[in-house]
Amino acid sequence: MGRAFQNRKESMAKTADAKTKVYSKYGREIYVCAKQGGTDPAGNLALRGLIERAKKDQVPSHVIDKALDKASGVGGEDFSPARYEGFGPGSCMVIVECLTDNPNRTFGDVRACFTKAKSKLGTPGSVSHMFDHCAILAFKGDDEEATLEALMEADVDVTDIENEAGQITVFAPHTEYAKAKQALLDAFGELDFEVDEIQFVPQTVTPVAGDDVAMFDKLMDTLNDLDDVQNVFHNAEVEGRA
């Protein structure tokens, strides 16, 4: 798997300082997660991980509580997930995950971002087959064998385990997220996860160089500026960047 899963972190970093936008993204994601799996973090591991991640990103408690209240039926908003796939500058592959209360508006906004960057939206499945949809759990540790044993005992379908610089990173199919996380918590007690997410990890990378770099940055910036966009995944390897 390598470090490819970090590409979303890099693309999101430019908008991380826009606090209200970050709060809005977390609020929507917490709302949908709670709506689907229940508002009690103890019984909804995905929600628990999401709230922990929100707190690490300094999202205020009132933002989290408001999203949970809405999921309980207090609020009237209703967001649903939408995913768009396309080809960016240099023929790199891009997946855009959204939460929207108006799919027609969101589709138009995302398409406009691709058009302005001389890129093209594709059909569902046009690029996602070149990504692995992974649950990624990373925590401080160095006992790779004990980690693998704990996961195997819980019958988790592990894709890969990395042991690097005092951190264990577990990759598993996205459908194994809850089972994998529970197995790790059962084996090692409370863990402070450095990464606790479901992501699309590219199977290959596409070089982006020359004039395409500016267009790629424009595509990432405009997509991340959209309120409805939650995550952007890509397989671009941009010239001059680690």
Protein backbone atom coordinates (compact mmCIF):
# COMPACT_ATOMS: atom_id res chain seq x y z
CA MET A 1 0.00 0.00 0.00
CA GLY A 2 2.91 2.36 0.70
CA ARG A 3 2.10 5.89 1.79
CA ALA A 4 -0.33 6.53 -1.05
CA PHE A 5 -3.26 7.00 1.31
CA GLN A 6 -1.73 10.30 2.46
CA ASN A 7 -2.57 12.00 -0.85
CA ARG A 8 -5.95 13.13 0.45
CA LYS A 9 -4.28 14.73 3.47
CA GLU A 10 -2.09 16.81 1.18
CA SER A 11 -4.98 17.93 -1.02
CA MET A 12 -7.09 18.86 1.99
CA ALA A 13 -4.30 20.77 3.76
CA LYS A 14 -4.88 23.92 1.73
CA THR A 15 -8.41 24.32 3.10
CA ALA A 16 -7.71 23.12 6.64
CA ASP A 17 -7.40 26.69 7.90
CA ALA A 18 -10.93 27.54 6.79
CA LYS A 19 -12.39 26.43 10.11
CA THR A 20 -16.06 26.95 9.34
CA LYS A 21 -15.70 24.79 6.22
CA VAL A 22 -13.98 22.04 8.20
CA TYR A 23 -16.70 22.22 10.86
CA SER A 24 -19.40 21.95 8.19
CA LYS A 25 -17.76 18.90 6.59
CA TYR A 26 -17.48 17.12 9.94
CA GLY A 27 -21.01 18.12 10.90
CA ARG A 28 -22.46 16.55 7.77
CA GLU A 29 -20.35 13.40 8.07
CA ILE A 30 -21.25 12.90 11.73
CA TYR A 31 -24.93 13.46 10.93
CA VAL A 32 -24.99 10.82 8.19
CA CYS A 33 -22.90 8.33 10.18
CA ALA A 34 -25.17 8.70 13.21
CA LYS A 35 -28.29 8.50 11.05
CA GLN A 36 -27.10 5.22 9.54
CA GLY A 37 -25.61 3.49 12.58
CA GLY A 38 -27.11 5.17 15.65
CA THR A 39 -26.15 8.21 17.71
CA ASP A 40 -24.40 6.28 20.51
CA PRO A 41 -20.63 6.18 19.81
CA ALA A 42 -20.29 3.12 22.06
CA GLY A 43 -22.42 1.11 19.66
CA ASN A 44 -21.34 2.82 16.45
CA LEU A 45 -17.58 2.42 15.99
CA ALA A 46 -17.54 4.45 12.79
CA LEU A 47 -19.18 7.35 14.62
CA ARG A 48 -16.81 6.97 17.54
CA GLY A 49 -13.78 7.19 15.25
CA LEU A 50 -15.26 10.14 13.41
CA ILE A 51 -15.90 12.08 16.61
CA GLU A 52 -12.37 11.35 17.84
CA ARG A 53 -10.98 12.60 14.54
CA ALA A 54 -13.14 15.73 14.71
CA LYS A 55 -11.86 16.50 18.20
CA LYS A 56 -8.25 16.10 17.02
CA ASP A 57 -9.02 18.65 14.31
CA GLN A 58 -10.34 20.97 17.07
CA VAL A 59 -13.97 20.84 16.03
CA PRO A 60 -15.99 22.35 18.92
CA SER A 61 -18.26 20.09 20.95
CA HIS A 62 -21.35 22.16 20.04
CA VAL A 63 -20.79 21.37 16.34
CA ILE A 64 -20.62 17.65 17.12
CA ASP A 65 -23.63 17.79 19.46
CA LYS A 66 -25.70 19.69 16.91
CA ALA A 67 -25.00 17.04 14.26
CA LEU A 68 -26.00 14.27 16.68
CA ASP A 69 -29.20 16.13 17.60
CA LYS A 70 -30.13 16.42 13.94
CA ALA A 71 -29.53 12.71 13.45
CA SER A 72 -31.89 12.04 16.36
CA GLY A 73 -34.66 13.82 14.49
CA VAL A 74 -34.38 17.28 16.01
CA GLY A 75 -33.32 18.95 12.75
CA GLY A 76 -34.95 18.81 9.34
CA GLU A 77 -31.91 18.53 7.07
CA ASP A 78 -31.33 15.34 5.17
CA PHE A 79 -27.98 14.69 3.50
CA SER A 80 -27.20 11.71 1.30
CA PRO A 81 -23.87 10.48 -0.07
CA ALA A 82 -22.89 11.01 -3.70
CA ARG A 83 -19.72 9.91 -5.46
CA TYR A 84 -18.31 11.24 -8.71
CA GLU A 85 -15.40 9.88 -10.74
CA GLY A 86 -13.37 11.46 -13.47
CA PHE A 87 -10.08 12.14 -15.18
CA GLY A 88 -7.99 15.12 -14.15
CA PRO A 89 -5.00 16.87 -15.75
CA GLY A 90 -2.43 14.48 -17.15
CA SER A 91 -5.09 11.74 -17.23
CA CYS A 92 -4.83 11.21 -13.48
CA MET A 93 -7.83 9.56 -11.84
CA VAL A 94 -10.00 11.40 -9.33
CA ILE A 95 -12.78 10.29 -6.97
CA VAL A 96 -14.94 12.91 -5.26
CA GLU A 97 -17.09 11.98 -2.27
CA CYS A 98 -19.92 14.33 -1.33
CA LEU A 99 -22.73 14.67 1.16
CA THR A 100 -25.57 16.66 -0.32
CA ASP A 101 -29.16 17.74 0.21
CA ASN A 102 -29.46 18.61 -3.50
CA PRO A 103 -27.81 16.06 -5.84
CA ASN A 104 -28.56 18.06 -9.00
CA ARG A 105 -26.81 21.14 -7.61
CA THR A 106 -23.84 19.12 -6.40
CA PHE A 107 -23.40 17.31 -9.71
CA GLY A 108 -23.41 20.64 -11.55
CA ASP A 109 -20.90 22.17 -9.14
CA VAL A 110 -18.51 19.20 -9.37
CA ARG A 111 -18.78 19.07 -13.15
CA ALA A 112 -17.96 22.80 -13.33
CA CYS A 113 -14.78 22.21 -11.31
CA PHE A 114 -13.64 19.54 -13.76
CA THR A 115 -14.52 21.69 -16.77
CA LYS A 116 -12.61 24.73 -15.47
CA ALA A 117 -9.51 22.54 -15.00
CA LYS A 118 -9.84 21.12 -18.53
CA SER A 119 -10.78 17.78 -17.01
CA LYS A 120 -13.68 15.41 -17.55
CA LEU A 121 -16.20 13.65 -15.33
CA GLY A 122 -16.62 9.95 -16.06
CA THR A 123 -19.36 7.44 -15.41
CA PRO A 124 -19.73 5.60 -12.08
CA GLY A 125 -17.03 2.94 -11.87
CA SER A 126 -14.88 4.50 -14.59
CA VAL A 127 -11.90 4.97 -12.26
CA SER A 128 -12.84 3.44 -8.89
CA HIS A 129 -11.86 -0.02 -10.14
CA MET A 130 -8.27 1.25 -10.09
CA PHE A 131 -8.46 2.09 -6.37
CA ASP A 132 -8.70 -0.14 -3.31
CA HIS A 133 -11.55 0.91 -1.00
CA CYS A 134 -9.75 0.47 2.30
CA ALA A 135 -10.25 0.78 6.01
CA ILE A 136 -7.01 2.27 7.37
CA LEU A 137 -6.15 2.13 11.07
CA ALA A 138 -2.78 3.41 12.29
CA PHE A 139 -1.48 3.57 15.86
CA LYS A 140 1.81 3.75 17.73
CA GLY A 141 3.44 0.36 18.12
CA ASP A 142 5.99 -2.01 16.66
CA ASP A 143 4.61 -5.51 17.22
CA GLU A 144 3.43 -6.41 13.75
CA GLU A 145 3.03 -10.10 14.58
CA ALA A 146 0.78 -9.46 17.60
CA THR A 147 -1.33 -7.11 15.47
CA LEU A 148 -1.73 -9.66 12.71
CA GLU A 149 -2.53 -12.41 15.22
CA ALA A 150 -5.26 -10.29 16.86
CA LEU A 151 -6.84 -9.56 13.49
CA MET A 152 -6.63 -13.16 12.30
CA GLU A 153 -8.23 -14.43 15.51
CA ALA A 154 -11.14 -12.07 14.89
CA ASP A 155 -11.41 -13.40 11.32
CA VAL A 156 -10.57 -10.01 9.79
CA ASP A 157 -9.67 -10.06 6.10
CA VAL A 158 -6.39 -8.11 6.37
CA THR A 159 -5.03 -6.61 3.14
CA ASP A 160 -1.68 -5.36 4.45
CA ILE A 161 0.15 -4.32 7.62
CA GLU A 162 2.97 -1.77 7.68
CA ASN A 163 5.45 -1.25 10.51
CA GLU A 164 7.27 2.01 10.04
CA ALA A 165 8.88 4.54 12.41
CA GLY A 166 7.13 3.18 15.49
CA GLN A 167 3.70 3.09 13.86
CA ILE A 168 1.59 0.13 12.82
CA THR A 169 -0.76 0.73 9.90
CA VAL A 170 -3.46 -1.82 9.11
CA PHE A 171 -5.18 -1.96 5.73
CA ALA A 172 -8.40 -3.97 5.29
CA PRO A 173 -11.40 -3.91 2.92
CA HIS A 174 -13.77 -1.08 3.82
CA THR A 175 -16.41 -3.63 4.76
CA GLU A 176 -14.10 -4.92 7.52
CA TYR A 177 -13.68 -1.53 9.21
CA ALA A 178 -15.79 -2.15 12.34
CA LYS A 179 -14.54 -5.70 12.82
CA ALA A 180 -10.88 -4.67 12.41
CA LYS A 181 -11.16 -1.74 14.80
CA GLN A 182 -12.97 -3.79 17.44
CA ALA A 183 -10.34 -6.56 17.17
CA LEU A 184 -7.54 -4.04 17.80
CA LEU A 185 -9.36 -2.48 20.75
CA ASP A 186 -10.04 -5.92 22.23
CA ALA A 187 -6.40 -6.93 21.86
CA PHE A 188 -4.63 -3.74 22.94
CA GLY A 189 -7.19 -1.80 24.96
CA GLU A 190 -7.82 1.88 24.28
CA LEU A 191 -5.76 3.03 21.31
CA ASP A 192 -5.08 6.55 20.10
CA PHE A 193 -5.44 6.05 16.37
CA GLU A 194 -3.27 8.31 14.23
CA VAL A 195 -5.38 7.32 11.22
CA ASP A 196 -8.92 5.97 11.54
CA GLU A 197 -10.58 6.31 8.15
CA ILE A 198 -12.01 4.65 5.08
CA GLN A 199 -10.24 5.83 1.94
CA PHE A 200 -9.74 5.05 -1.73
CA VAL A 201 -6.08 4.08 -2.15
CA PRO A 202 -4.78 4.11 -5.74
CA GLN A 203 -3.33 0.88 -7.13
CA THR A 204 -1.05 2.85 -9.46
CA VAL A 205 0.11 6.46 -9.77
CA THR A 206 -0.05 8.80 -12.77
CA PRO A 207 2.70 11.42 -13.23
CA VAL A 208 1.43 15.00 -13.50
CA ALA A 209 4.00 17.47 -14.80
CA GLY A 210 4.48 20.74 -16.69
CA ASP A 211 1.39 22.84 -17.38
CA ASP A 212 -0.82 20.09 -15.95
CA VAL A 213 0.43 20.82 -12.41
CA ALA A 214 -1.30 24.23 -12.24
CA MET A 215 -4.50 22.73 -13.63
CA PHE A 216 -4.33 19.87 -11.14
CA ASP A 217 -3.95 22.32 -8.25
CA LYS A 218 -6.88 24.33 -9.60
CA LEU A 219 -9.05 21.20 -9.72
CA MET A 220 -8.15 20.22 -6.14
CA ASP A 221 -8.68 23.75 -4.81
CA THR A 222 -12.06 24.28 -6.45
CA LEU A 223 -13.34 20.87 -5.42
CA ASN A 224 -12.25 21.30 -1.81
CA ASP A 225 -13.88 24.74 -1.74
CA LEU A 226 -17.31 23.18 -2.41
CA ASP A 227 -19.36 22.79 0.75
CA ASP A 228 -20.80 19.47 -0.45
CA VAL A 229 -17.41 17.85 -1.05
CA GLN A 230 -16.18 15.71 1.84
CA ASN A 231 -13.17 13.89 0.38
CA VAL A 232 -11.11 13.97 -2.79
CA PHE A 233 -8.96 10.99 -3.72
CA HIS A 234 -6.57 10.84 -6.66
CA ASN A 235 -3.65 8.88 -8.07
CA ALA A 236 -1.60 11.87 -9.22
CA GLU A 237 2.14 11.96 -8.56
CA VAL A 238 2.87 15.66 -8.98
CA GLU A 239 6.24 16.66 -10.34
CA GLY A 240 8.55 18.07 -7.69
CA ARG A 241 6.45 16.92 -4.72
CA ALA A 242 7.24 14.09 -2.35
